[in-house]
PDB file of N, CA and C in Angstrom:
ATOM      1  N   UNK A   1       0.773  -1.171   0.020  1.00  0.00           N
ATOM      2  CA  UNK A   1       0.050   0.001  -0.041  1.00  0.00           C
ATOM      3  C   UNK A   1       0.798   1.264  -0.063  1.00  0.00           C
ATOM      4  N   UNK A   2       2.021   1.221   0.607  1.00  0.00           N
ATOM      5  CA  UNK A   2       2.922   2.397   0.653  1.00  0.00           C
ATOM      6  C   UNK A   2       3.390   2.770  -0.678  1.00  0.00           C
ATOM      7  N   UNK A   3       3.824   1.719  -1.541  1.00  0.00           N
ATOM      8  CA  UNK A   3       4.324   1.955  -2.752  1.00  0.00           C
ATOM      9  C   UNK A   3       3.309   2.621  -3.673  1.00  0.00           C
ATOM     10  N   UNK A   4       2.097   2.181  -3.556  1.00  0.00           N
ATOM     11  CA  UNK A   4       0.992   2.766  -4.452  1.00  0.00           C
ATOM     12  C   UNK A   4       0.762   4.258  -4.151  1.00  0.00           C
ATOM     13  N   UNK A   5       0.780   4.638  -2.838  1.00  0.00           N
ATOM     14  CA  UNK A   5       0.651   5.967  -2.355  1.00  0.00           C
ATOM     15  C   UNK A   5       1.839   6.718  -2.780  1.00  0.00           C
ATOM     16  N   UNK A   6       3.065   6.208  -2.826  1.00  0.00           N
ATOM     17  CA  UNK A   6       4.220   6.904  -3.223  1.00  0.00           C
ATOM     18  C   UNK A   6       4.184   7.192  -4.739  1.00  0.00           C
ATOM     19  N   UNK A   7       3.736   6.256  -5.559  1.00  0.00           N
ATOM     20  CA  UNK A   7       3.676   6.405  -6.921  1.00  0.00           C
ATOM     21  C   UNK A   7       2.659   7.498  -7.230  1.00  0.00           C
ATOM     22  N   UNK A   8       1.517   7.583  -6.584  1.00  0.00           N
ATOM     23  CA  UNK A   8       0.512   8.577  -6.773  1.00  0.00           C
ATOM     24  C   UNK A   8       1.088   9.958  -6.526  1.00  0.00           C
ATOM     25  N   UNK A   9       1.790  10.077  -5.410  1.00  0.00           N
ATOM     26  CA  UNK A   9       2.477  11.316  -4.991  1.00  0.00           C
ATOM     27  C   UNK A   9       3.452  11.762  -6.149  1.00  0.00           C
ATOM     28  N   UNK A  10       4.206  10.746  -6.575  1.00  0.00           N
ATOM     29  CA  UNK A  10       5.258  11.109  -7.559  1.00  0.00           C
ATOM     30  C   UNK A  10       4.595  11.546  -8.875  1.00  0.00           C
ATOM     31  N   UNK A  11       3.671  10.907  -9.321  1.00  0.00           N
ATOM     32  CA  UNK A  11       2.919  11.291 -10.477  1.00  0.00           C
ATOM     33  C   UNK A  11       2.261  12.726 -10.411  1.00  0.00           C
ATOM     34  N   UNK A  12       1.772  12.976  -9.205  1.00  0.00           N
ATOM     35  CA  UNK A  12       1.144  14.288  -9.055  1.00  0.00           C
ATOM     36  C   UNK A  12       2.199  15.362  -9.007  1.00  0.00           C
ATOM     37  N   UNK A  13       3.348  15.036  -8.345  1.00  0.00           N
ATOM     38  CA  UNK A  13       4.443  15.895  -8.271  1.00  0.00           C
ATOM     39  C   UNK A  13       4.925  16.280  -9.654  1.00  0.00           C
ATOM     40  N   UNK A  14       5.071  15.228 -10.424  1.00  0.00           N
ATOM     41  CA  UNK A  14       5.617  15.460 -11.880  1.00  0.00           C
ATOM     42  C   UNK A  14       4.618  16.212 -12.583  1.00  0.00           C
ATOM     43  N   UNK A  15       3.386  16.051 -12.451  1.00  0.00           N
ATOM     44  CA  UNK A  15       2.417  16.783 -13.166  1.00  0.00           C
ATOM     45  C   UNK A  15       2.445  18.273 -12.847  1.00  0.00           C
ATOM     46  N   UNK A  16       2.736  18.554 -11.580  1.00  0.00           N
ATOM     47  CA  UNK A  16       2.808  20.006 -11.226  1.00  0.00           C
ATOM     48  C   UNK A  16       4.010  20.677 -11.837  1.00  0.00           C
ATOM     49  N   UNK A  17       4.996  20.013 -12.097  1.00  0.00           N
ATOM     50  CA  UNK A  17       6.213  20.556 -12.807  1.00  0.00           C
ATOM     51  C   UNK A  17       6.043  20.599 -14.285  1.00  0.00           C
ATOM     52  N   UNK A  18       5.487  19.638 -14.927  1.00  0.00           N
ATOM     53  CA  UNK A  18       5.401  19.466 -16.313  1.00  0.00           C
ATOM     54  C   UNK A  18       4.280  20.268 -17.026  1.00  0.00           C
ATOM     55  N   UNK A  19       3.134  20.235 -16.369  1.00  0.00           N
ATOM     56  CA  UNK A  19       1.946  20.885 -16.896  1.00  0.00           C
ATOM     57  C   UNK A  19       2.088  22.327 -17.213  1.00  0.00           C
ATOM     58  N   UNK A  20       2.693  23.079 -16.309  1.00  0.00           N
ATOM     59  CA  UNK A  20       2.897  24.618 -16.691  1.00  0.00           C
ATOM     60  C   UNK A  20       3.746  24.748 -17.814  1.00  0.00           C
ATOM     61  N   UNK A  21       4.754  23.859 -18.016  1.00  0.00           N
ATOM     62  CA  UNK A  21       5.534  24.073 -19.182  1.00  0.00           C
ATOM     63  C   UNK A  21       4.827  23.772 -20.568  1.00  0.00           C
ATOM     64  N   UNK A  22       3.867  22.863 -20.603  1.00  0.00           N
ATOM     65  CA  UNK A  22       2.950  22.604 -21.715  1.00  0.00           C
ATOM     66  C   UNK A  22       1.903  23.625 -21.877  1.00  0.00           C
ATOM     67  N   UNK A  23       1.385  24.257 -20.852  1.00  0.00           N
ATOM     68  CA  UNK A  23       0.356  25.232 -20.972  1.00  0.00           C
ATOM     69  C   UNK A  23       0.982  26.563 -21.595  1.00  0.00           C
ATOM     70  N   UNK A  24       2.166  26.927 -20.920  1.00  0.00           N
ATOM     71  CA  UNK A  24       2.812  28.214 -21.402  1.00  0.00           C
ATOM     72  C   UNK A  24       4.152  27.707 -22.143  1.00  0.00           C
ATOM     73  N   UNK A  25       4.111  27.163 -23.208  1.00  0.00           N
ATOM     74  CA  UNK A  25       5.246  26.660 -23.909  1.00  0.00           C
ATOM     75  C   UNK A  25       5.809  27.609 -24.941  1.00  0.00           C
ATOM     76  N   UNK A  26       5.254  28.833 -25.046  1.00  0.00           N
ATOM     77  CA  UNK A  26       5.638  29.677 -26.079  1.00  0.00           C
ATOM     78  C   UNK A  26       6.377  30.953 -25.648  1.00  0.00           C
ATOM     79  N   UNK A  27       6.834  30.957 -24.385  1.00  0.00           N
ATOM     80  CA  UNK A  27       7.774  32.029 -23.967  1.00  0.00           C
ATOM     81  C   UNK A  27       9.223  31.945 -24.423  1.00  0.00           C
ATOM     82  N   UNK A  28       9.516  32.792 -25.279  1.00  0.00           N
ATOM     83  CA  UNK A  28      10.835  32.715 -25.921  1.00  0.00           C
ATOM     84  C   UNK A  28      11.781  33.850 -25.593  1.00  0.00           C
ATOM     85  N   UNK A  29      13.062  33.523 -25.625  1.00  0.00           N
ATOM     86  CA  UNK A  29      14.110  34.437 -25.367  1.00  0.00           C
ATOM     87  C   UNK A  29      15.103  34.379 -26.516  1.00  0.00           C
ATOM     88  N   UNK A  30      15.450  35.443 -27.117  1.00  0.00           N
ATOM     89  CA  UNK A  30      16.437  35.563 -28.204  1.00  0.00           C
ATOM     90  C   UNK A  30      17.774  35.722 -27.711  1.00  0.00           C
ATOM     91  N   UNK A  31      18.621  34.631 -27.949  1.00  0.00           N
ATOM     92  CA  UNK A  31      19.969  34.627 -27.595  1.00  0.00           C
ATOM     93  C   UNK A  31      20.935  35.430 -28.455  1.00  0.00           C
ATOM     94  N   UNK A  32      22.090  35.661 -28.002  1.00  0.00           N
ATOM     95  CA  UNK A  32      23.075  36.463 -28.808  1.00  0.00           C
ATOM     96  C   UNK A  32      23.896  35.526 -29.627  1.00  0.00           C
ATOM     97  N   UNK A  33      24.016  34.257 -29.124  1.00  0.00           N
ATOM     98  CA  UNK A  33      24.924  33.276 -29.731  1.00  0.00           C
ATOM     99  C   UNK A  33      24.126  31.953 -29.997  1.00  0.00           C
ATOM    100  N   UNK A  34      24.449  31.308 -31.088  1.00  0.00           N
ATOM    101  CA  UNK A  34      23.863  30.094 -31.469  1.00  0.00           C
ATOM    102  C   UNK A  34      24.001  29.061 -30.386  1.00  0.00           C
ATOM    103  N   UNK A  35      25.173  28.978 -29.770  1.00  0.00           N
ATOM    104  CA  UNK A  35      25.472  27.939 -28.818  1.00  0.00           C
ATOM    105  C   UNK A  35      24.632  28.145 -27.489  1.00  0.00           C
ATOM    106  N   UNK A  36      23.909  29.170 -27.291  1.00  0.00           N
ATOM    107  CA  UNK A  36      23.106  29.378 -26.164  1.00  0.00           C
ATOM    108  C   UNK A  36      21.645  28.998 -26.433  1.00  0.00           C
ATOM    109  N   UNK A  37      21.434  28.657 -27.664  1.00  0.00           N
ATOM    110  CA  UNK A  37      20.002  28.454 -27.956  1.00  0.00           C
ATOM    111  C   UNK A  37      19.472  26.989 -27.931  1.00  0.00           C
ATOM    112  N   UNK A  38      18.311  26.866 -27.786  1.00  0.00           N
ATOM    113  CA  UNK A  38      17.675  25.518 -27.915  1.00  0.00           C
ATOM    114  C   UNK A  38      17.229  25.153 -29.331  1.00  0.00           C
ATOM    115  N   UNK A  39      16.832  26.211 -30.096  1.00  0.00           N
ATOM    116  CA  UNK A  39      16.376  26.090 -31.428  1.00  0.00           C
ATOM    117  C   UNK A  39      16.955  27.281 -32.261  1.00  0.00           C
ATOM    118  N   UNK A  40      17.428  26.935 -33.450  1.00  0.00           N
ATOM    119  CA  UNK A  40      17.825  27.984 -34.422  1.00  0.00           C
ATOM    120  C   UNK A  40      16.766  28.187 -35.474  1.00  0.00           C
ATOM    121  N   UNK A  41      16.361  29.464 -35.548  1.00  0.00           N
ATOM    122  CA  UNK A  41      15.202  29.966 -36.236  1.00  0.00           C
ATOM    123  C   UNK A  41      15.586  30.737 -37.511  1.00  0.00           C
ATOM    124  N   UNK A  42      14.922  30.557 -38.528  1.00  0.00           N
ATOM    125  CA  UNK A  42      15.071  31.411 -39.775  1.00  0.00           C
ATOM    126  C   UNK A  42      13.778  31.865 -40.163  1.00  0.00           C
ATOM    127  N   UNK A  43      13.772  33.325 -40.386  1.00  0.00           N
ATOM    128  CA  UNK A  43      12.616  33.919 -40.791  1.00  0.00           C
ATOM    129  C   UNK A  43      12.495  34.004 -42.325  1.00  0.00           C
ATOM    130  N   UNK A  44      11.339  33.352 -42.886  1.00  0.00           N
ATOM    131  CA  UNK A  44      11.272  33.341 -44.227  1.00  0.00           C
ATOM    132  C   UNK A  44      10.477  34.550 -44.836  1.00  0.00           C
ATOM    133  N   UNK A  45      10.517  34.754 -46.063  1.00  0.00           N
ATOM    134  CA  UNK A  45       9.840  35.883 -46.730  1.00  0.00           C
ATOM    135  C   UNK A  45       8.351  35.651 -47.053  1.00  0.00           C
ATOM    136  N   UNK A  46       7.989  34.356 -47.204  1.00  0.00           N
ATOM    137  CA  UNK A  46       6.628  33.914 -47.528  1.00  0.00           C
ATOM    138  C   UNK A  46       6.071  32.985 -46.651  1.00  0.00           C
ATOM    139  N   UNK A  47       4.768  33.044 -46.406  1.00  0.00           N
ATOM    140  CA  UNK A  47       4.125  32.054 -45.522  1.00  0.00           C
ATOM    141  C   UNK A  47       4.208  30.645 -45.969  1.00  0.00           C
ATOM    142  N   UNK A  48       4.248  30.331 -47.303  1.00  0.00           N
ATOM    143  CA  UNK A  48       4.338  29.029 -47.770  1.00  0.00           C
ATOM    144  C   UNK A  48       5.575  28.374 -47.517  1.00  0.00           C
ATOM    145  N   UNK A  49       6.648  29.078 -47.213  1.00  0.00           N
ATOM    146  CA  UNK A  49       7.986  28.519 -46.962  1.00  0.00           C
ATOM    147  C   UNK A  49       8.163  28.162 -45.533  1.00  0.00           C
ATOM    148  N   UNK A  50       7.187  28.417 -44.603  1.00  0.00           N
ATOM    149  CA  UNK A  50       7.425  28.353 -43.111  1.00  0.00           C
ATOM    150  C   UNK A  50       6.967  27.030 -42.674  1.00  0.00           C
ATOM    151  N   UNK A  51       7.457  26.716 -41.502  1.00  0.00           N
ATOM    152  CA  UNK A  51       6.990  25.501 -40.692  1.00  0.00           C
ATOM    153  C   UNK A  51       6.108  25.918 -39.767  1.00  0.00           C
ATOM    154  N   UNK A  52       6.199  27.120 -39.240  1.00  0.00           N
ATOM    155  CA  UNK A  52       5.331  27.758 -38.251  1.00  0.00           C
ATOM    156  C   UNK A  52       5.012  29.228 -38.518  1.00  0.00           C
ATOM    157  N   UNK A  53       3.793  29.573 -38.502  1.00  0.00           N
ATOM    158  CA  UNK A  53       3.341  30.970 -38.584  1.00  0.00           C
ATOM    159  C   UNK A  53       3.203  31.458 -37.181  1.00  0.00           C
ATOM    160  N   UNK A  54       3.942  32.662 -36.888  1.00  0.00           N
ATOM    161  CA  UNK A  54       4.084  33.135 -35.598  1.00  0.00           C
ATOM    162  C   UNK A  54       3.411  34.430 -35.393  1.00  0.00           C
ATOM    163  N   UNK A  55       2.655  34.703 -34.296  1.00  0.00           N
ATOM    164  CA  UNK A  55       2.215  35.961 -33.979  1.00  0.00           C
ATOM    165  C   UNK A  55       2.690  36.333 -32.614  1.00  0.00           C
ATOM    166  N   UNK A  56       3.271  37.531 -32.638  1.00  0.00           N
ATOM    167  CA  UNK A  56       3.865  38.048 -31.317  1.00  0.00           C
ATOM    168  C   UNK A  56       2.791  38.683 -30.416  1.00  0.00           C
ATOM    169  N   UNK A  57       2.534  38.060 -29.281  1.00  0.00           N
ATOM    170  CA  UNK A  57       1.539  38.563 -28.419  1.00  0.00           C
ATOM    171  C   UNK A  57       2.124  39.615 -27.407  1.00  0.00           C
ATOM    172  N   UNK A  58       1.205  40.409 -26.947  1.00  0.00           N
ATOM    173  CA  UNK A  58       1.694  41.462 -25.912  1.00  0.00           C
ATOM    174  C   UNK A  58       1.791  41.063 -24.450  1.00  0.00           C
ATOM    175  N   UNK A  59       1.014  39.903 -24.116  1.00  0.00           N
ATOM    176  CA  UNK A  59       1.030  39.459 -22.714  1.00  0.00           C
ATOM    177  C   UNK A  59       1.324  37.979 -22.614  1.00  0.00           C
ATOM    178  N   UNK A  60       2.080  37.702 -21.668  1.00  0.00           N
ATOM    179  CA  UNK A  60       2.445  36.311 -21.377  1.00  0.00           C
ATOM    180  C   UNK A  60       1.281  35.311 -21.327  1.00  0.00           C
ATOM    181  N   UNK A  61       0.194  35.827 -20.727  1.00  0.00           N
ATOM    182  CA  UNK A  61      -1.007  34.930 -20.658  1.00  0.00           C
ATOM    183  C   UNK A  61      -1.634  34.574 -21.922  1.00  0.00           C
ATOM    184  N   UNK A  62      -1.312  35.248 -23.104  1.00  0.00           N
ATOM    185  CA  UNK A  62      -1.853  34.941 -24.367  1.00  0.00           C
ATOM    186  C   UNK A  62      -0.962  33.964 -25.079  1.00  0.00           C
ATOM    187  N   UNK A  63       0.091  33.445 -24.533  1.00  0.00           N
ATOM    188  CA  UNK A  63       0.952  32.515 -25.253  1.00  0.00           C
ATOM    189  C   UNK A  63       0.666  31.063 -24.896  1.00  0.00           C
ATOM    190  N   UNK A  64      -0.477  30.737 -24.507  1.00  0.00           N
ATOM    191  CA  UNK A  64      -0.881  29.306 -24.073  1.00  0.00           C
ATOM    192  C   UNK A  64      -0.872  28.382 -25.368  1.00  0.00           C
ATOM    193  N   UNK A  65      -0.296  27.205 -25.013  1.00  0.00           N
ATOM    194  CA  UNK A  65      -0.207  26.151 -26.089  1.00  0.00           C
ATOM    195  C   UNK A  65       0.846  26.400 -27.132  1.00  0.00           C
ATOM    196  N   UNK A  66       0.997  25.453 -27.961  1.00  0.00           N
ATOM    197  CA  UNK A  66       1.952  25.303 -28.955  1.00  0.00           C
ATOM    198  C   UNK A  66       1.322  25.646 -30.398  1.00  0.00           C
ATOM    199  N   UNK A  67       0.833  26.927 -30.423  1.00  0.00           N
ATOM    200  CA  UNK A  67       0.081  27.376 -31.592  1.00  0.00           C
ATOM    201  C   UNK A  67       0.677  28.539 -32.355  1.00  0.00           C
ATOM    202  N   UNK A  68       1.870  28.842 -32.032  1.00  0.00           N
ATOM    203  CA  UNK A  68       2.523  29.956 -32.761  1.00  0.00           C
ATOM    204  C   UNK A  68       2.209  31.303 -32.254  1.00  0.00           C
ATOM    205  N   UNK A  69       1.832  31.353 -30.923  1.00  0.00           N
ATOM    206  CA  UNK A  69       1.724  32.623 -30.171  1.00  0.00           C
ATOM    207  C   UNK A  69       2.840  32.761 -29.385  1.00  0.00           C
ATOM    208  N   UNK A  70       3.757  33.541 -29.715  1.00  0.00           N
ATOM    209  CA  UNK A  70       5.072  33.798 -29.014  1.00  0.00           C
ATOM    210  C   UNK A  70       5.039  35.148 -28.116  1.00  0.00           C
ATOM    211  N   UNK A  71       5.534  34.864 -26.870  1.00  0.00           N
ATOM    212  CA  UNK A  71       5.719  36.011 -26.034  1.00  0.00           C
ATOM    213  C   UNK A  71       7.264  36.222 -25.738  1.00  0.00           C
ATOM    214  N   UNK A  72       7.741  37.266 -26.130  1.00  0.00           N
ATOM    215  CA  UNK A  72       9.330  37.383 -25.996  1.00  0.00           C
ATOM    216  C   UNK A  72       9.685  37.965 -24.586  1.00  0.00           C
ATOM    217  N   UNK A  73      10.412  37.142 -23.892  1.00  0.00           N
ATOM    218  CA  UNK A  73      10.729  37.611 -22.457  1.00  0.00           C
ATOM    219  C   UNK A  73      12.086  38.347 -22.485  1.00  0.00           C
ATOM    220  N   UNK A  74      12.410  39.091 -21.376  1.00  0.00           N
ATOM    221  CA  UNK A  74      13.515  39.841 -21.386  1.00  0.00           C
ATOM    222  C   UNK A  74      14.744  39.089 -20.820  1.00  0.00           C
ATOM    223  N   UNK A  75      14.587  37.920 -20.091  1.00  0.00           N
ATOM    224  CA  UNK A  75      15.608  37.152 -19.451  1.00  0.00           C
ATOM    225  C   UNK A  75      15.452  35.751 -19.890  1.00  0.00           C
ATOM    226  N   UNK A  76      16.645  35.032 -20.073  1.00  0.00           N
ATOM    227  CA  UNK A  76      16.498  33.622 -20.407  1.00  0.00           C
ATOM    228  C   UNK A  76      15.844  32.771 -19.410  1.00  0.00           C
ATOM    229  N   UNK A  77      15.928  33.089 -18.035  1.00  0.00           N
ATOM    230  CA  UNK A  77      15.324  32.358 -17.048  1.00  0.00           C
ATOM    231  C   UNK A  77      13.845  32.359 -17.032  1.00  0.00           C
ATOM    232  N   UNK A  78      13.369  33.288 -17.767  1.00  0.00           N
ATOM    233  CA  UNK A  78      11.869  33.468 -17.905  1.00  0.00           C
ATOM    234  C   UNK A  78      11.218  32.598 -19.090  1.00  0.00           C
ATOM    235  N   UNK A  79      12.116  32.148 -19.897  1.00  0.00           N
ATOM    236  CA  UNK A  79      11.757  31.476 -21.240  1.00  0.00           C
ATOM    237  C   UNK A  79      11.517  30.080 -20.984  1.00  0.00           C
ATOM    238  N   UNK A  80      10.643  29.475 -21.951  1.00  0.00           N
ATOM    239  CA  UNK A  80      10.607  28.077 -22.187  1.00  0.00           C
ATOM    240  C   UNK A  80      11.554  27.557 -23.103  1.00  0.00           C
ATOM    241  N   UNK A  81      11.889  28.370 -24.149  1.00  0.00           N
ATOM    242  CA  UNK A  81      12.783  28.163 -25.236  1.00  0.00           C
ATOM    243  C   UNK A  81      13.658  29.202 -25.486  1.00  0.00           C
ATOM    244  N   UNK A  82      14.927  28.983 -25.653  1.00  0.00           N
ATOM    245  CA  UNK A  82      15.825  30.052 -26.122  1.00  0.00           C
ATOM    246  C   UNK A  82      16.028  29.857 -27.584  1.00  0.00           C
ATOM    247  N   UNK A  83      15.896  30.898 -28.453  1.00  0.00           N
ATOM    248  CA  UNK A  83      16.068  30.819 -29.830  1.00  0.00           C
ATOM    249  C   UNK A  83      17.144  31.723 -30.239  1.00  0.00           C
ATOM    250  N   UNK A  84      17.685  31.325 -31.438  1.00  0.00           N
ATOM    251  CA  UNK A  84      18.651  32.193 -32.148  1.00  0.00           C
ATOM    252  C   UNK A  84      18.351  32.327 -33.604  1.00  0.00           C
ATOM    253  N   UNK A  85      18.123  33.573 -34.070  1.00  0.00           N
ATOM    254  CA  UNK A  85      17.764  33.789 -35.361  1.00  0.00           C
ATOM    255  C   UNK A  85      19.193  33.605 -36.286  1.00  0.00           C
ATOM    256  N   UNK A  86      19.033  32.692 -37.204  1.00  0.00           N
ATOM    257  CA  UNK A  86      20.196  32.506 -38.082  1.00  0.00           C
ATOM    258  C   UNK A  86      20.050  33.329 -39.491  1.00  0.00           C
ATOM    259  N   UNK A  87      21.017  33.443 -40.116  1.00  0.00           N
ATOM    260  CA  UNK A  87      21.098  34.185 -41.346  1.00  0.00           C
ATOM    261  C   UNK A  87      20.736  33.432 -42.596  1.00  0.00           C
ATOM    262  N   UNK A  88      20.862  32.167 -42.550  1.00  0.00           N
ATOM    263  CA  UNK A  88      20.689  31.238 -43.577  1.00  0.00           C
ATOM    264  C   UNK A  88      19.643  30.120 -43.282  1.00  0.00           C
ATOM    265  N   UNK A  89      18.804  29.758 -44.178  1.00  0.00           N
ATOM    266  CA  UNK A  89      17.780  28.775 -44.024  1.00  0.00           C
ATOM    267  C   UNK A  89      18.502  27.430 -43.678  1.00  0.00           C
ATOM    268  N   UNK A  90      19.579  27.139 -44.308  1.00  0.00           N
ATOM    269  CA  UNK A  90      20.325  25.809 -44.149  1.00  0.00           C
ATOM    270  C   UNK A  90      20.798  25.639 -42.723  1.00  0.00           C
ATOM    271  N   UNK A  91      21.006  26.695 -41.933  1.00  0.00           N
ATOM    272  CA  UNK A  91      21.396  26.603 -40.543  1.00  0.00           C
ATOM    273  C   UNK A  91      20.339  26.408 -39.561  1.00  0.00           C
ATOM    274  N   UNK A  92      19.060  26.543 -39.978  1.00  0.00           N
ATOM    275  CA  UNK A  92      17.954  26.482 -39.127  1.00  0.00           C
ATOM    276  C   UNK A  92      17.364  25.179 -38.681  1.00  0.00           C
ATOM    277  N   UNK A  93      16.787  25.043 -37.532  1.00  0.00           N
ATOM    278  CA  UNK A  93      15.960  23.953 -37.114  1.00  0.00           C
ATOM    279  C   UNK A  93      14.555  24.210 -37.506  1.00  0.00           C
ATOM    280  N   UNK A  94      14.008  25.477 -37.489  1.00  0.00           N
ATOM    281  CA  UNK A  94      12.686  25.927 -37.689  1.00  0.00           C
ATOM    282  C   UNK A  94      12.577  27.051 -38.514  1.00  0.00           C
ATOM    283  N   UNK A  95      11.732  27.079 -39.493  1.00  0.00           N
ATOM    284  CA  UNK A  95      11.447  28.226 -40.358  1.00  0.00           C
ATOM    285  C   UNK A  95      10.237  28.859 -40.029  1.00  0.00           C
ATOM    286  N   UNK A  96      10.156  30.153 -39.562  1.00  0.00           N
ATOM    287  CA  UNK A  96       8.806  30.865 -39.179  1.00  0.00           C
ATOM    288  C   UNK A  96       8.656  32.018 -40.095  1.00  0.00           C
ATOM    289  N   UNK A  97       7.375  32.323 -40.112  1.00  0.00           N
ATOM    290  CA  UNK A  97       6.867  33.426 -40.826  1.00  0.00           C
ATOM    291  C   UNK A  97       5.950  34.335 -39.830  1.00  0.00           C
ATOM    292  N   UNK A  98       6.308  35.550 -39.598  1.00  0.00           N
ATOM    293  CA  UNK A  98       5.604  36.423 -38.698  1.00  0.00           C
ATOM    294  C   UNK A  98       4.281  36.993 -39.438  1.00  0.00           C
ATOM    295  N   UNK A  99       3.037  36.604 -38.763  1.00  0.00           N
ATOM    296  CA  UNK A  99       1.926  37.041 -39.372  1.00  0.00           C
ATOM    297  C   UNK A  99       1.350  38.174 -38.689  1.00  0.00           C
ATOM    298  N   UNK A 100       0.364  38.957 -39.200  1.00  0.00           N
ATOM    299  CA  UNK A 100      -0.206  40.260 -38.752  1.00  0.00           C
ATOM    300  C   UNK A 100      -1.325  39.926 -37.723  1.00  0.00           C
ATOM    301  N   UNK A 101      -1.980  38.823 -37.760  1.00  0.00           N
ATOM    302  CA  UNK A 101      -3.208  38.607 -37.103  1.00  0.00           C
ATOM    303  C   UNK A 101      -2.981  37.336 -36.206  1.00  0.00           C
ATOM    304  N   UNK A 102      -3.556  37.280 -34.955  1.00  0.00           N
ATOM    305  CA  UNK A 102      -3.464  36.107 -34.174  1.00  0.00           C
ATOM    306  C   UNK A 102      -4.115  34.917 -34.775  1.00  0.00           C
ATOM    307  N   UNK A 103      -5.187  35.100 -35.515  1.00  0.00           N
ATOM    308  CA  UNK A 103      -5.920  34.001 -35.986  1.00  0.00           C
ATOM    309  C   UNK A 103      -5.165  33.292 -37.152  1.00  0.00           C
ATOM    310  N   UNK A 104      -4.023  33.935 -37.701  1.00  0.00           N
ATOM    311  CA  UNK A 104      -3.395  33.421 -38.850  1.00  0.00           C
ATOM    312  C   UNK A 104      -2.218  32.447 -38.321  1.00  0.00           C
ATOM    313  N   UNK A 105      -2.007  32.505 -37.030  1.00  0.00           N
ATOM    314  CA  UNK A 105      -0.838  31.670 -36.384  1.00  0.00           C
ATOM    315  C   UNK A 105      -1.169  30.212 -36.467  1.00  0.00           C
ATOM    316  N   UNK A 106      -0.153  29.423 -36.529  1.00  0.00           N
ATOM    317  CA  UNK A 106      -0.380  27.962 -36.432  1.00  0.00           C
ATOM    318  C   UNK A 106       0.704  27.244 -37.184  1.00  0.00           C
ATOM    319  N   UNK A 107       0.813  25.865 -37.013  1.00  0.00           N
ATOM    320  CA  UNK A 107       1.688  25.035 -37.636  1.00  0.00           C
ATOM    321  C   UNK A 107       1.312  24.723 -39.124  1.00  0.00           C
ATOM    322  N   UNK A 108       2.427  24.666 -39.946  1.00  0.00           N
ATOM    323  CA  UNK A 108       2.149  24.267 -41.334  1.00  0.00           C
ATOM    324  C   UNK A 108       2.958  22.966 -41.547  1.00  0.00           C
ATOM    325  N   UNK A 109       3.881  22.727 -40.709  1.00  0.00           N
ATOM    326  CA  UNK A 109       4.727  21.400 -40.828  1.00  0.00           C
ATOM    327  C   UNK A 109       4.566  20.897 -39.318  1.00  0.00           C
ATOM    328  N   UNK A 110       3.654  19.873 -39.165  1.00  0.00           N
ATOM    329  CA  UNK A 110       3.411  19.242 -37.771  1.00  0.00           C
ATOM    330  C   UNK A 110       4.722  18.460 -37.353  1.00  0.00           C
ATOM    331  N   UNK A 111       5.559  17.953 -38.317  1.00  0.00           N
ATOM    332  CA  UNK A 111       6.666  17.302 -37.943  1.00  0.00           C
ATOM    333  C   UNK A 111       7.769  18.055 -37.034  1.00  0.00           C
ATOM    334  N   UNK A 112       7.503  19.310 -37.072  1.00  0.00           N
ATOM    335  CA  UNK A 112       8.507  20.172 -36.164  1.00  0.00           C
ATOM    336  C   UNK A 112       7.894  20.633 -34.901  1.00  0.00           C
ATOM    337  N   UNK A 113       6.707  20.225 -34.644  1.00  0.00           N
ATOM    338  CA  UNK A 113       6.049  20.638 -33.406  1.00  0.00           C
ATOM    339  C   UNK A 113       6.870  20.237 -32.090  1.00  0.00           C
ATOM    340  N   UNK A 114       7.569  19.151 -32.162  1.00  0.00           N
ATOM    341  CA  UNK A 114       8.273  18.641 -31.108  1.00  0.00           C
ATOM    342  C   UNK A 114       9.503  19.665 -30.607  1.00  0.00           C
ATOM    343  N   UNK A 115       9.883  20.543 -31.456  1.00  0.00           N
ATOM    344  CA  UNK A 115      10.777  21.434 -31.150  1.00  0.00           C
ATOM    345  C   UNK A 115      10.438  22.517 -30.161  1.00  0.00           C
ATOM    346  N   UNK A 116       9.233  22.808 -29.993  1.00  0.00           N
ATOM    347  CA  UNK A 116       8.666  23.695 -28.979  1.00  0.00           C
ATOM    348  C   UNK A 116       7.919  23.141 -27.831  1.00  0.00           C
ATOM    349  N   UNK A 117       8.162  21.787 -27.547  1.00  0.00           N
ATOM    350  CA  UNK A 117       7.574  21.221 -26.359  1.00  0.00           C
ATOM    351  C   UNK A 117       8.596  21.099 -25.278  1.00  0.00           C
TER     352      UNK A 117
END
């Protein structure tokens, strides 16, 4: 009986740590160096070239989920992902296109979703 109780507590404790990172998984910090980043990002000129269409939100609370709603934080410790903007497409892990409206954001290439979890 003690083992079952311990496992339940462990699962609950793990949930408390991991659920917030899934709910607010789009807080990003732009690094100065590629070596400091989790993901290398290239900004494309056309929506059709992108893996993810991104909308920059004004408030952290608007960045829920993995839907391309990014909130840029001031410090790396506040972010869920550190990104570095590369100069060439061949250097990137993810290609993004910045959209003008929130409703336009979202994934175009679902095989890259794991990069932001």
